[in-house]
Amino acid sequence: MKSINMKKYFRSDSLSYRDSAKNFICVIKIKYPNEKVRIDFSDIQSISHSFADEILKNKMNNIQFSNLNPNIKKMFEIIGKRYSK
């Protein structure tokens, strides 16, 4: 399983932009199309609604999240309701 640390990848502890999320998902789809990928949110302090929305909208089955702080977990839960219907 490939693990990607978001703080190292984005060089920030705050994830804000929809385009950044879209580009990140595209990279995963191209580099790891048939491999399980763990997205590690260690040391990420905040995530914007638009970033979370874009990640969830394009999330593939081979992607897992880990080390979500309570605020990020709550953001994904709220937005995830939109895509679980």
N, C-alpha and C. Protein backbone atom coordinates (compact mmCIF):
# COMPACT_ATOMS: atom_id res chain seq x y z
N MET A 1 0.84 -1.18 0.00
CA MET A 1 0.00 0.00 0.00
C MET A 1 0.89 1.24 0.00
N LYS A 2 0.59 2.15 -0.87
CA LYS A 2 1.30 3.42 -0.95
C LYS A 2 0.69 4.39 0.06
N SER A 3 1.53 5.07 0.82
CA SER A 3 1.06 6.07 1.79
C SER A 3 1.57 7.44 1.37
N ILE A 4 0.67 8.41 1.35
CA ILE A 4 1.03 9.78 0.97
C ILE A 4 0.70 10.70 2.13
N ASN A 5 1.72 11.36 2.65
CA ASN A 5 1.53 12.32 3.74
C ASN A 5 1.16 13.66 3.14
N MET A 6 -0.03 14.13 3.47
CA MET A 6 -0.54 15.37 2.87
C MET A 6 0.27 16.60 3.26
N LYS A 7 0.78 16.64 4.48
CA LYS A 7 1.56 17.81 4.89
C LYS A 7 2.85 17.89 4.07
N LYS A 8 3.49 16.76 3.85
CA LYS A 8 4.71 16.75 3.05
C LYS A 8 4.40 17.03 1.58
N TYR A 9 3.32 16.45 1.08
CA TYR A 9 2.97 16.61 -0.33
C TYR A 9 2.64 18.07 -0.65
N PHE A 10 1.82 18.70 0.20
CA PHE A 10 1.39 20.07 -0.06
C PHE A 10 2.25 21.13 0.62
N ARG A 11 3.16 20.69 1.50
CA ARG A 11 4.05 21.60 2.24
C ARG A 11 3.27 22.66 3.00
N SER A 12 2.18 22.20 3.62
CA SER A 12 1.31 23.09 4.37
C SER A 12 0.50 22.26 5.35
N ASP A 13 0.06 22.90 6.44
CA ASP A 13 -0.81 22.19 7.37
C ASP A 13 -2.28 22.59 7.18
N SER A 14 -2.54 23.34 6.10
CA SER A 14 -3.89 23.76 5.77
C SER A 14 -4.14 23.46 4.28
N LEU A 15 -5.22 22.75 4.00
CA LEU A 15 -5.54 22.39 2.62
C LEU A 15 -6.77 23.18 2.20
N SER A 16 -6.60 24.01 1.16
CA SER A 16 -7.64 25.00 0.89
C SER A 16 -8.28 24.98 -0.50
N TYR A 17 -7.56 24.63 -1.52
CA TYR A 17 -8.05 24.92 -2.87
C TYR A 17 -8.61 23.71 -3.60
N ARG A 18 -9.75 23.89 -4.23
CA ARG A 18 -10.39 22.83 -5.02
C ARG A 18 -9.44 22.33 -6.11
N ASP A 19 -8.77 23.23 -6.82
CA ASP A 19 -7.86 22.82 -7.88
C ASP A 19 -6.71 21.97 -7.36
N SER A 20 -6.23 22.27 -6.16
CA SER A 20 -5.16 21.46 -5.57
C SER A 20 -5.65 20.04 -5.32
N ALA A 21 -6.86 19.90 -4.81
CA ALA A 21 -7.43 18.58 -4.56
C ALA A 21 -7.64 17.84 -5.88
N LYS A 22 -8.15 18.53 -6.88
CA LYS A 22 -8.40 17.92 -8.19
C LYS A 22 -7.10 17.41 -8.81
N ASN A 23 -6.04 18.22 -8.75
CA ASN A 23 -4.74 17.82 -9.29
C ASN A 23 -4.17 16.63 -8.52
N PHE A 24 -4.34 16.65 -7.19
CA PHE A 24 -3.84 15.57 -6.36
C PHE A 24 -4.52 14.24 -6.73
N ILE A 25 -5.83 14.24 -6.88
CA ILE A 25 -6.56 13.03 -7.26
C ILE A 25 -6.13 12.55 -8.64
N CYS A 26 -5.90 13.46 -9.56
CA CYS A 26 -5.43 13.09 -10.90
C CYS A 26 -4.08 12.39 -10.83
N VAL A 27 -3.19 12.90 -10.00
CA VAL A 27 -1.87 12.27 -9.83
C VAL A 27 -2.03 10.85 -9.31
N ILE A 28 -2.88 10.66 -8.33
CA ILE A 28 -3.10 9.32 -7.78
C ILE A 28 -3.66 8.39 -8.85
N LYS A 29 -4.63 8.87 -9.62
CA LYS A 29 -5.24 8.04 -10.67
C LYS A 29 -4.21 7.61 -11.71
N ILE A 30 -3.27 8.50 -12.01
CA ILE A 30 -2.26 8.19 -13.03
C ILE A 30 -1.14 7.32 -12.46
N LYS A 31 -0.61 7.69 -11.28
CA LYS A 31 0.54 6.99 -10.72
C LYS A 31 0.20 5.67 -10.05
N TYR A 32 -1.00 5.56 -9.48
CA TYR A 32 -1.36 4.39 -8.69
C TYR A 32 -2.75 3.85 -9.07
N PRO A 33 -2.98 3.56 -10.34
CA PRO A 33 -4.33 3.18 -10.76
C PRO A 33 -4.83 1.86 -10.16
N ASN A 34 -3.93 0.94 -9.88
CA ASN A 34 -4.33 -0.38 -9.39
C ASN A 34 -3.74 -0.70 -8.03
N GLU A 35 -3.30 0.32 -7.32
CA GLU A 35 -2.65 0.13 -6.03
C GLU A 35 -3.49 0.83 -4.95
N LYS A 36 -3.56 0.21 -3.78
CA LYS A 36 -4.24 0.86 -2.66
C LYS A 36 -3.38 2.03 -2.19
N VAL A 37 -4.05 3.14 -1.88
CA VAL A 37 -3.36 4.37 -1.47
C VAL A 37 -3.95 4.84 -0.15
N ARG A 38 -3.08 5.08 0.82
CA ARG A 38 -3.50 5.66 2.10
C ARG A 38 -3.11 7.13 2.09
N ILE A 39 -4.10 7.99 2.28
CA ILE A 39 -3.85 9.42 2.37
C ILE A 39 -3.76 9.77 3.85
N ASP A 40 -2.58 10.17 4.27
CA ASP A 40 -2.27 10.43 5.68
C ASP A 40 -2.42 11.92 5.97
N PHE A 41 -3.35 12.25 6.85
CA PHE A 41 -3.61 13.64 7.21
C PHE A 41 -2.90 14.05 8.51
N SER A 42 -1.86 13.34 8.90
CA SER A 42 -1.10 13.71 10.10
C SER A 42 -0.63 15.16 10.00
N ASP A 43 -0.81 15.89 11.07
CA ASP A 43 -0.36 17.28 11.20
C ASP A 43 -1.09 18.26 10.29
N ILE A 44 -2.15 17.84 9.63
CA ILE A 44 -2.99 18.78 8.89
C ILE A 44 -3.97 19.38 9.89
N GLN A 45 -3.98 20.69 9.98
CA GLN A 45 -4.81 21.38 10.96
C GLN A 45 -6.20 21.74 10.45
N SER A 46 -6.28 22.05 9.15
CA SER A 46 -7.58 22.45 8.61
C SER A 46 -7.69 22.06 7.14
N ILE A 47 -8.93 21.94 6.73
CA ILE A 47 -9.24 21.59 5.34
C ILE A 47 -10.48 22.40 4.95
N SER A 48 -10.45 22.99 3.78
CA SER A 48 -11.59 23.80 3.36
C SER A 48 -12.72 22.90 2.86
N HIS A 49 -13.90 23.47 2.85
CA HIS A 49 -15.07 22.76 2.32
C HIS A 49 -14.83 22.36 0.87
N SER A 50 -14.28 23.26 0.07
CA SER A 50 -14.08 22.98 -1.36
C SER A 50 -13.03 21.89 -1.58
N PHE A 51 -11.96 21.88 -0.77
CA PHE A 51 -10.94 20.83 -0.89
C PHE A 51 -11.55 19.47 -0.54
N ALA A 52 -12.26 19.40 0.57
CA ALA A 52 -12.87 18.14 1.00
C ALA A 52 -13.90 17.66 -0.03
N ASP A 53 -14.69 18.57 -0.54
CA ASP A 53 -15.70 18.23 -1.54
C ASP A 53 -15.06 17.61 -2.78
N GLU A 54 -14.01 18.21 -3.25
CA GLU A 54 -13.33 17.71 -4.46
C GLU A 54 -12.71 16.34 -4.23
N ILE A 55 -12.11 16.14 -3.07
CA ILE A 55 -11.51 14.83 -2.74
C ILE A 55 -12.60 13.76 -2.71
N LEU A 56 -13.69 14.03 -2.02
CA LEU A 56 -14.76 13.04 -1.91
C LEU A 56 -15.47 12.80 -3.24
N LYS A 57 -15.66 13.84 -4.01
CA LYS A 57 -16.36 13.72 -5.30
C LYS A 57 -15.60 12.79 -6.25
N ASN A 58 -14.27 12.81 -6.16
CA ASN A 58 -13.44 12.05 -7.09
C ASN A 58 -12.72 10.87 -6.45
N LYS A 59 -13.04 10.58 -5.20
CA LYS A 59 -12.37 9.50 -4.47
C LYS A 59 -12.65 8.16 -5.12
N MET A 60 -11.60 7.38 -5.29
CA MET A 60 -11.72 6.05 -5.86
C MET A 60 -11.76 5.03 -4.73
N ASN A 61 -12.17 3.83 -5.04
CA ASN A 61 -12.27 2.77 -4.03
C ASN A 61 -10.92 2.36 -3.45
N ASN A 62 -9.85 2.61 -4.16
CA ASN A 62 -8.53 2.20 -3.67
C ASN A 62 -7.91 3.21 -2.70
N ILE A 63 -8.64 4.26 -2.35
CA ILE A 63 -8.11 5.31 -1.47
C ILE A 63 -8.70 5.17 -0.07
N GLN A 64 -7.81 5.23 0.93
CA GLN A 64 -8.22 5.24 2.33
C GLN A 64 -7.65 6.49 2.99
N PHE A 65 -8.36 7.01 3.98
CA PHE A 65 -7.88 8.15 4.76
C PHE A 65 -7.36 7.65 6.10
N SER A 66 -6.32 8.32 6.61
CA SER A 66 -5.82 7.98 7.95
C SER A 66 -5.41 9.25 8.69
N ASN A 67 -5.41 9.14 10.01
CA ASN A 67 -4.95 10.21 10.90
C ASN A 67 -5.68 11.53 10.71
N LEU A 68 -7.00 11.44 10.64
CA LEU A 68 -7.82 12.64 10.52
C LEU A 68 -8.03 13.24 11.90
N ASN A 69 -7.79 14.55 12.05
CA ASN A 69 -8.13 15.17 13.33
C ASN A 69 -9.66 15.31 13.38
N PRO A 70 -10.24 15.57 14.54
CA PRO A 70 -11.70 15.61 14.66
C PRO A 70 -12.39 16.60 13.72
N ASN A 71 -11.79 17.75 13.48
CA ASN A 71 -12.41 18.75 12.58
C ASN A 71 -12.42 18.29 11.13
N ILE A 72 -11.34 17.68 10.70
CA ILE A 72 -11.27 17.18 9.33
C ILE A 72 -12.22 16.01 9.15
N LYS A 73 -12.26 15.13 10.13
CA LYS A 73 -13.18 13.99 10.08
C LYS A 73 -14.63 14.48 9.97
N LYS A 74 -14.98 15.48 10.76
CA LYS A 74 -16.34 16.03 10.73
C LYS A 74 -16.64 16.66 9.37
N MET A 75 -15.69 17.38 8.79
CA MET A 75 -15.88 17.98 7.48
C MET A 75 -16.17 16.90 6.43
N PHE A 76 -15.38 15.81 6.44
CA PHE A 76 -15.62 14.72 5.49
C PHE A 76 -16.97 14.06 5.73
N GLU A 77 -17.37 13.91 6.99
CA GLU A 77 -18.67 13.30 7.29
C GLU A 77 -19.82 14.15 6.75
N ILE A 78 -19.74 15.45 6.97
CA ILE A 78 -20.80 16.35 6.51
C ILE A 78 -20.91 16.34 4.99
N ILE A 79 -19.78 16.47 4.32
CA ILE A 79 -19.80 16.51 2.87
C ILE A 79 -20.09 15.13 2.29
N GLY A 80 -19.61 14.08 2.96
CA GLY A 80 -19.82 12.71 2.49
C GLY A 80 -21.27 12.32 2.39
N LYS A 81 -22.12 12.92 3.20
CA LYS A 81 -23.55 12.62 3.15
C LYS A 81 -24.12 12.92 1.76
N ARG A 82 -23.56 13.92 1.13
CA ARG A 82 -24.01 14.32 -0.21
C ARG A 82 -23.73 13.23 -1.24
N TYR A 83 -22.65 12.48 -1.07
CA TYR A 83 -22.24 11.48 -2.06
C TYR A 83 -22.65 10.07 -1.71
N SER A 84 -23.22 9.87 -0.53
CA SER A 84 -23.59 8.51 -0.12
C SER A 84 -25.04 8.17 -0.45
N LYS A 85 -25.73 9.07 -1.09
CA LYS A 85 -27.14 8.83 -1.41
C LYS A 85 -27.27 7.99 -2.67
